[in-house]
Amino acid sequence: MKNKKKYNSLQKIQKRDGRVVPFDAKHILQAVFRAMGASKEGNEGDAESVMYKVLDALIVLRKERKEKIFIPH
């Protein structure tokens, strides 16, 4: 990851079934890459770029909410 420190605050995420699990940005990368493959558009570099945009959006959301414990879902 390019600036890992920037994303250290993203430690947990809530799954659709309600479970809270450790956050792993690689899951976002894999999901985006699979979607790009299904649509026959983009490559792994493009998927990584989208992943960083998602991570940046989560950081902005965390700052806007001003919660001590931020768990995106």
Protein backbone atom coordinates (compact mmCIF):
# COMPACT_ATOMS: atom_id res chain seq x y z
CA MET A 1 0.00 0.00 0.00
CA LYS A 2 1.35 3.41 -0.83
CA ASN A 3 0.84 5.29 2.48
CA LYS A 4 -0.07 2.62 4.98
CA LYS A 5 0.01 4.99 7.97
CA LYS A 6 -2.77 7.07 6.44
CA TYR A 7 -5.09 4.06 6.51
CA ASN A 8 -4.16 2.68 9.96
CA SER A 9 -7.33 4.13 11.45
CA LEU A 10 -9.37 1.67 9.37
CA GLN A 11 -9.09 -1.36 11.64
CA LYS A 12 -12.50 -3.01 11.64
CA ILE A 13 -15.47 -3.27 9.32
CA GLN A 14 -19.03 -4.48 9.81
CA LYS A 15 -20.16 -7.20 7.42
CA ARG A 16 -23.69 -7.38 6.01
CA ASP A 17 -24.60 -10.05 8.54
CA GLY A 18 -23.61 -7.73 11.39
CA ARG A 19 -20.28 -9.34 12.29
CA VAL A 20 -17.39 -6.97 12.98
CA VAL A 21 -14.15 -8.26 11.48
CA PRO A 22 -10.62 -6.90 10.95
CA PHE A 23 -10.40 -4.50 8.00
CA ASP A 24 -8.37 -5.74 5.03
CA ALA A 25 -7.98 -3.39 2.06
CA LYS A 26 -7.01 -6.37 -0.12
CA HIS A 27 -10.66 -7.46 -0.04
CA ILE A 28 -11.65 -4.17 -1.68
CA LEU A 29 -8.92 -4.63 -4.29
CA GLN A 30 -10.07 -8.19 -5.06
CA ALA A 31 -13.73 -7.18 -5.34
CA VAL A 32 -12.97 -4.26 -7.67
CA PHE A 33 -10.65 -6.41 -9.79
CA ARG A 34 -13.31 -9.14 -10.11
CA ALA A 35 -15.90 -6.54 -11.13
CA MET A 36 -13.53 -5.12 -13.72
CA GLY A 37 -12.87 -8.61 -15.04
CA ALA A 38 -16.58 -9.34 -15.29
CA SER A 39 -17.12 -6.17 -17.31
CA LYS A 40 -13.92 -6.78 -19.30
CA GLU A 41 -12.70 -3.30 -18.39
CA GLY A 42 -9.60 -2.21 -16.48
CA ASN A 43 -6.62 -4.04 -15.09
CA GLU A 44 -5.04 -4.66 -11.69
CA GLY A 45 -3.50 -1.18 -11.66
CA ASP A 46 -6.90 0.37 -12.30
CA ALA A 47 -8.40 -1.74 -9.51
CA GLU A 48 -5.68 -0.56 -7.13
CA SER A 49 -6.42 3.05 -8.05
CA VAL A 50 -10.12 2.53 -7.29
CA MET A 51 -9.23 0.83 -3.99
CA TYR A 52 -7.25 3.91 -2.88
CA LYS A 53 -10.17 6.14 -3.81
CA VAL A 54 -12.46 3.98 -1.65
CA LEU A 55 -9.97 4.09 1.26
CA ASP A 56 -9.67 7.87 0.94
CA ALA A 57 -13.48 8.18 0.96
CA LEU A 58 -13.64 6.08 4.15
CA ILE A 59 -11.06 8.36 5.80
CA VAL A 60 -13.13 11.43 4.86
CA LEU A 61 -16.29 9.77 6.18
CA ARG A 62 -14.50 8.92 9.44
CA LYS A 63 -13.42 12.55 9.89
CA GLU A 64 -16.90 13.86 9.09
CA ARG A 65 -18.56 11.61 11.64
CA LYS A 66 -16.07 12.48 14.41
CA GLU A 67 -16.70 9.16 16.14
CA LYS A 68 -14.14 7.76 18.58
CA ILE A 69 -14.69 4.27 17.23
CA PHE A 70 -15.39 4.27 13.49
CA ILE A 71 -16.54 0.97 12.01
CA PRO A 72 -17.71 1.35 8.40
CA HIS A 73 -20.46 -0.94 7.12
